[in-house]
Amino acid sequence: MMRYGPEYWDKYGTYRTPIAFHLSLLVLLRAYFIWIIAALSRRPELDIMSLVFRSKQDFFSALAIGAVAIIPAVIFCLRRPQKNAQSAVRLAKLWRFMRWPLLVCAVLDLTWLIIQAAHSYYQFSMFLALQMVVVLWVLLYLAKSRYLTVFFNDWPEPENKAQSK
């Protein structure tokens, strides 16, 4: 396995989170972010939801597909030195396998976009094409990135171990 130097480490001694990983989470959880933005806008004349989703079924399908990526996102948010060494070990074991739910979510998302294109009889839609390209980029990034293999195998040491060093 390739090792990366100190310029890739954060203040906790773990590998820094790549920006592309944040963007991948944003793409995979885009239905939730659009939902939050629509809820916060509260402008009836500007219906953001109808601009992005054709029907309620499309919206709920996008939420269900994005739900697969919520667990890795939550565990990623907990990626800090833990006070309890046992919880740190449990989270580290879980974190090691969180690439797979993200890959599954990206495959499901791309499949759903292809099904949406088929329902419109493959009539070209710029919005749908852009989504497909971005989700395909996320899928390739999650599958091929060497840095992500190191990133998913790394977890911060518990606080009591970090303070004793």
C-alpha atoms as a PDB file:
ATOM      1  CA  MET A   1       0.000   0.000   0.000  1.00  0.00           C
ATOM      2  CA  MET A   2       1.298   3.428  -0.889  1.00  0.00           C
ATOM      3  CA  ARG A   3       2.079   5.754   2.010  1.00  0.00           C
ATOM      4  CA  TYR A   4       1.614   9.483   1.802  1.00  0.00           C
ATOM      5  CA  GLY A   5       3.836  12.007   3.549  1.00  0.00           C
ATOM      6  CA  PRO A   6       3.106  14.482   6.347  1.00  0.00           C
ATOM      7  CA  GLU A   7       1.665  17.035   3.930  1.00  0.00           C
ATOM      8  CA  TYR A   8      -1.352  14.723   3.638  1.00  0.00           C
ATOM      9  CA  TRP A   9      -1.993  14.558   7.401  1.00  0.00           C
ATOM     10  CA  ASP A  10      -4.377  16.674   9.439  1.00  0.00           C
ATOM     11  CA  LYS A  11      -3.935  17.936  13.005  1.00  0.00           C
ATOM     12  CA  TYR A  12      -5.078  14.575  14.425  1.00  0.00           C
ATOM     13  CA  GLY A  13      -2.388  12.622  12.581  1.00  0.00           C
ATOM     14  CA  THR A  14      -4.812  11.047  10.121  1.00  0.00           C
ATOM     15  CA  TYR A  15      -5.014  11.468   6.380  1.00  0.00           C
ATOM     16  CA  ARG A  16      -6.785  14.614   5.220  1.00  0.00           C
ATOM     17  CA  THR A  17     -10.150  14.345   3.625  1.00  0.00           C
ATOM     18  CA  PRO A  18      -9.912  14.888  -0.128  1.00  0.00           C
ATOM     19  CA  ILE A  19     -12.080  17.642  -1.552  1.00  0.00           C
ATOM     20  CA  ALA A  20     -13.398  15.195  -4.136  1.00  0.00           C
ATOM     21  CA  PHE A  21     -14.761  13.052  -1.290  1.00  0.00           C
ATOM     22  CA  HIS A  22     -16.778  16.022  -0.011  1.00  0.00           C
ATOM     23  CA  LEU A  23     -18.037  16.679  -3.538  1.00  0.00           C
ATOM     24  CA  SER A  24     -18.938  13.001  -3.917  1.00  0.00           C
ATOM     25  CA  LEU A  25     -21.033  13.125  -0.749  1.00  0.00           C
ATOM     26  CA  LEU A  26     -22.693  16.292  -2.031  1.00  0.00           C
ATOM     27  CA  VAL A  27     -23.577  14.600  -5.330  1.00  0.00           C
ATOM     28  CA  LEU A  28     -24.849  11.402  -3.724  1.00  0.00           C
ATOM     29  CA  LEU A  29     -26.908  13.296  -1.125  1.00  0.00           C
ATOM     30  CA  ARG A  30     -28.115  15.995  -3.544  1.00  0.00           C
ATOM     31  CA  ALA A  31     -31.809  15.139  -3.049  1.00  0.00           C
ATOM     32  CA  TYR A  32     -31.473  15.897   0.668  1.00  0.00           C
ATOM     33  CA  PHE A  33     -29.628  19.158   0.010  1.00  0.00           C
ATOM     34  CA  ILE A  34     -32.234  20.254  -2.545  1.00  0.00           C
ATOM     35  CA  TRP A  35     -34.952  19.374  -0.048  1.00  0.00           C
ATOM     36  CA  ILE A  36     -33.272  21.484   2.647  1.00  0.00           C
ATOM     37  CA  ILE A  37     -32.779  24.421   0.280  1.00  0.00           C
ATOM     38  CA  ALA A  38     -36.414  24.220  -0.836  1.00  0.00           C
ATOM     39  CA  ALA A  39     -37.573  24.102   2.785  1.00  0.00           C
ATOM     40  CA  LEU A  40     -35.445  27.089   3.720  1.00  0.00           C
ATOM     41  CA  SER A  41     -36.430  29.242   0.744  1.00  0.00           C
ATOM     42  CA  ARG A  42     -40.161  29.329   1.656  1.00  0.00           C
ATOM     43  CA  ARG A  43     -41.013  31.212  -1.505  1.00  0.00           C
ATOM     44  CA  PRO A  44     -44.170  29.792  -3.083  1.00  0.00           C
ATOM     45  CA  GLU A  45     -43.499  31.433  -6.455  1.00  0.00           C
ATOM     46  CA  LEU A  46     -40.115  29.678  -6.639  1.00  0.00           C
ATOM     47  CA  ASP A  47     -40.789  25.950  -6.515  1.00  0.00           C
ATOM     48  CA  ILE A  48     -37.307  24.454  -6.491  1.00  0.00           C
ATOM     49  CA  MET A  49     -38.580  20.924  -6.065  1.00  0.00           C
ATOM     50  CA  SER A  50     -40.565  20.986  -9.317  1.00  0.00           C
ATOM     51  CA  LEU A  51     -37.531  22.324 -11.182  1.00  0.00           C
ATOM     52  CA  VAL A  52     -35.430  19.338 -10.171  1.00  0.00           C
ATOM     53  CA  PHE A  53     -37.922  16.488  -9.768  1.00  0.00           C
ATOM     54  CA  ARG A  54     -40.745  15.754 -12.204  1.00  0.00           C
ATOM     55  CA  SER A  55     -42.957  14.022  -9.675  1.00  0.00           C
ATOM     56  CA  LYS A  56     -43.182  13.111  -6.019  1.00  0.00           C
ATOM     57  CA  GLN A  57     -42.235   9.554  -6.906  1.00  0.00           C
ATOM     58  CA  ASP A  58     -38.963  10.770  -8.459  1.00  0.00           C
ATOM     59  CA  PHE A  59     -38.233  12.782  -5.326  1.00  0.00           C
ATOM     60  CA  PHE A  60     -38.926   9.864  -2.982  1.00  0.00           C
ATOM     61  CA  SER A  61     -36.860   7.533  -5.170  1.00  0.00           C
ATOM     62  CA  ALA A  62     -33.957   9.988  -5.024  1.00  0.00           C
ATOM     63  CA  LEU A  63     -34.306  10.165  -1.235  1.00  0.00           C
ATOM     64  CA  ALA A  64     -34.298   6.367  -0.972  1.00  0.00           C
ATOM     65  CA  ILE A  65     -31.198   6.073  -3.148  1.00  0.00           C
ATOM     66  CA  GLY A  66     -29.437   8.827  -1.199  1.00  0.00           C
ATOM     67  CA  ALA A  67     -30.295   7.115   2.083  1.00  0.00           C
ATOM     68  CA  VAL A  68     -27.637   4.517   1.320  1.00  0.00           C
ATOM     69  CA  ALA A  69     -24.986   7.265   1.561  1.00  0.00           C
ATOM     70  CA  ILE A  70     -26.263   8.689   4.860  1.00  0.00           C
ATOM     71  CA  ILE A  71     -24.534   6.080   7.050  1.00  0.00           C
ATOM     72  CA  PRO A  72     -21.048   6.756   5.592  1.00  0.00           C
ATOM     73  CA  ALA A  73     -21.715  10.493   5.867  1.00  0.00           C
ATOM     74  CA  VAL A  74     -22.665  10.191   9.547  1.00  0.00           C
ATOM     75  CA  ILE A  75     -19.638   8.035  10.353  1.00  0.00           C
ATOM     76  CA  PHE A  76     -17.480  10.518   8.438  1.00  0.00           C
ATOM     77  CA  CYS A  77     -18.826  13.299  10.675  1.00  0.00           C
ATOM     78  CA  LEU A  78     -17.673  11.249  13.701  1.00  0.00           C
ATOM     79  CA  ARG A  79     -14.125  10.968  12.304  1.00  0.00           C
ATOM     80  CA  ARG A  80     -12.449  12.745  15.219  1.00  0.00           C
ATOM     81  CA  PRO A  81     -10.492  11.396  18.186  1.00  0.00           C
ATOM     82  CA  GLN A  82     -12.989   9.694  20.477  1.00  0.00           C
ATOM     83  CA  LYS A  83     -12.842   9.811  24.271  1.00  0.00           C
ATOM     84  CA  ASN A  84     -13.840   6.177  24.528  1.00  0.00           C
ATOM     85  CA  ALA A  85     -11.262   3.778  23.053  1.00  0.00           C
ATOM     86  CA  GLN A  86     -13.867   1.052  22.465  1.00  0.00           C
ATOM     87  CA  SER A  87     -16.097   3.318  20.403  1.00  0.00           C
ATOM     88  CA  ALA A  88     -13.062   4.453  18.413  1.00  0.00           C
ATOM     89  CA  VAL A  89     -12.226   0.835  17.590  1.00  0.00           C
ATOM     90  CA  ARG A  90     -15.832   0.092  16.581  1.00  0.00           C
ATOM     91  CA  LEU A  91     -16.060   3.183  14.392  1.00  0.00           C
ATOM     92  CA  ALA A  92     -12.692   2.414  12.807  1.00  0.00           C
ATOM     93  CA  LYS A  93     -13.892  -1.083  11.899  1.00  0.00           C
ATOM     94  CA  LEU A  94     -17.064   0.364  10.375  1.00  0.00           C
ATOM     95  CA  TRP A  95     -15.219   3.163   8.565  1.00  0.00           C
ATOM     96  CA  ARG A  96     -12.976   0.664   6.792  1.00  0.00           C
ATOM     97  CA  PHE A  97     -15.989  -0.649   4.842  1.00  0.00           C
ATOM     98  CA  MET A  98     -17.825   2.622   4.137  1.00  0.00           C
ATOM     99  CA  ARG A  99     -16.526   2.842   0.598  1.00  0.00           C
ATOM    100  CA  TRP A 100     -18.905   0.035  -0.408  1.00  0.00           C
ATOM    101  CA  PRO A 101     -22.188   1.758   0.525  1.00  0.00           C
ATOM    102  CA  LEU A 102     -21.002   4.820  -1.372  1.00  0.00           C
ATOM    103  CA  LEU A 103     -20.247   2.707  -4.441  1.00  0.00           C
ATOM    104  CA  VAL A 104     -23.645   1.009  -4.176  1.00  0.00           C
ATOM    105  CA  CYS A 105     -25.325   4.398  -3.865  1.00  0.00           C
ATOM    106  CA  ALA A 106     -23.502   5.695  -6.961  1.00  0.00           C
ATOM    107  CA  VAL A 107     -24.451   2.604  -8.990  1.00  0.00           C
ATOM    108  CA  LEU A 108     -28.094   2.871  -7.884  1.00  0.00           C
ATOM    109  CA  ASP A 109     -28.107   6.584  -8.683  1.00  0.00           C
ATOM    110  CA  LEU A 110     -26.676   6.047 -12.157  1.00  0.00           C
ATOM    111  CA  THR A 111     -29.150   3.235 -12.776  1.00  0.00           C
ATOM    112  CA  TRP A 112     -32.023   5.458 -11.669  1.00  0.00           C
ATOM    113  CA  LEU A 113     -30.868   8.228 -14.018  1.00  0.00           C
ATOM    114  CA  ILE A 114     -30.715   5.764 -16.916  1.00  0.00           C
ATOM    115  CA  ILE A 115     -34.248   4.581 -16.076  1.00  0.00           C
ATOM    116  CA  GLN A 116     -35.410   8.206 -16.053  1.00  0.00           C
ATOM    117  CA  ALA A 117     -33.822   8.708 -19.482  1.00  0.00           C
ATOM    118  CA  ALA A 118     -35.580   5.571 -20.745  1.00  0.00           C
ATOM    119  CA  HIS A 119     -38.942   6.853 -19.498  1.00  0.00           C
ATOM    120  CA  SER A 120     -38.463   9.978 -21.577  1.00  0.00           C
ATOM    121  CA  TYR A 121     -37.647   7.738 -24.570  1.00  0.00           C
ATOM    122  CA  TYR A 122     -33.996   8.812 -24.448  1.00  0.00           C
ATOM    123  CA  GLN A 123     -34.904  12.316 -25.507  1.00  0.00           C
ATOM    124  CA  PHE A 124     -31.881  14.478 -24.694  1.00  0.00           C
ATOM    125  CA  SER A 125     -32.109  16.427 -21.478  1.00  0.00           C
ATOM    126  CA  MET A 126     -29.157  18.596 -20.500  1.00  0.00           C
ATOM    127  CA  PHE A 127     -30.057  18.366 -16.803  1.00  0.00           C
ATOM    128  CA  LEU A 128     -30.235  14.571 -16.897  1.00  0.00           C
ATOM    129  CA  ALA A 129     -27.040  14.310 -18.955  1.00  0.00           C
ATOM    130  CA  LEU A 130     -25.117  16.497 -16.500  1.00  0.00           C
ATOM    131  CA  GLN A 131     -26.327  14.407 -13.592  1.00  0.00           C
ATOM    132  CA  MET A 132     -25.261  11.220 -15.357  1.00  0.00           C
ATOM    133  CA  VAL A 133     -21.793  12.583 -16.088  1.00  0.00           C
ATOM    134  CA  VAL A 134     -21.294  13.784 -12.513  1.00  0.00           C
ATOM    135  CA  VAL A 135     -22.540  10.524 -10.971  1.00  0.00           C
ATOM    136  CA  LEU A 136     -20.343   8.538 -13.375  1.00  0.00           C
ATOM    137  CA  TRP A 137     -17.377  10.682 -12.266  1.00  0.00           C
ATOM    138  CA  VAL A 138     -18.229   9.952  -8.612  1.00  0.00           C
ATOM    139  CA  LEU A 139     -18.491   6.236  -9.367  1.00  0.00           C
ATOM    140  CA  LEU A 140     -15.114   6.179 -11.096  1.00  0.00           C
ATOM    141  CA  TYR A 141     -13.534   8.247  -8.331  1.00  0.00           C
ATOM    142  CA  LEU A 142     -14.832   5.963  -5.588  1.00  0.00           C
ATOM    143  CA  ALA A 143     -13.753   2.849  -7.476  1.00  0.00           C
ATOM    144  CA  LYS A 144     -10.313   3.917  -8.723  1.00  0.00           C
ATOM    145  CA  SER A 145      -8.849   6.386  -6.217  1.00  0.00           C
ATOM    146  CA  ARG A 146      -5.716   5.036  -4.528  1.00  0.00           C
ATOM    147  CA  TYR A 147      -5.793   7.745  -1.899  1.00  0.00           C
ATOM    148  CA  LEU A 148      -9.298   6.701  -0.843  1.00  0.00           C
ATOM    149  CA  THR A 149      -8.071   3.206  -0.012  1.00  0.00           C
ATOM    150  CA  VAL A 150      -5.597   4.731   2.440  1.00  0.00           C
ATOM    151  CA  PHE A 151      -8.176   7.264   3.647  1.00  0.00           C
ATOM    152  CA  PHE A 152     -10.775   4.598   4.466  1.00  0.00           C
ATOM    153  CA  ASN A 153      -8.201   2.489   6.332  1.00  0.00           C
ATOM    154  CA  ASP A 154      -7.208   5.378   8.584  1.00  0.00           C
ATOM    155  CA  TRP A 155      -8.988   6.439  11.780  1.00  0.00           C
ATOM    156  CA  PRO A 156      -7.842   8.877  14.501  1.00  0.00           C
ATOM    157  CA  GLU A 157      -6.388   7.464  17.692  1.00  0.00           C
ATOM    158  CA  PRO A 158      -8.514   7.826  20.861  1.00  0.00           C
ATOM    159  CA  GLU A 159      -7.905  11.001  22.871  1.00  0.00           C
ATOM    160  CA  ASN A 160      -6.201   9.259  25.791  1.00  0.00           C
ATOM    161  CA  LYS A 161      -3.660   7.621  23.447  1.00  0.00           C
ATOM    162  CA  ALA A 162      -3.102  10.863  21.555  1.00  0.00           C
ATOM    163  CA  GLN A 163      -2.427  12.819  24.762  1.00  0.00           C
ATOM    164  CA  SER A 164       0.028  10.247  26.113  1.00  0.00           C
ATOM    165  CA  LYS A 165       2.258  10.475  23.016  1.00  0.00           C
END
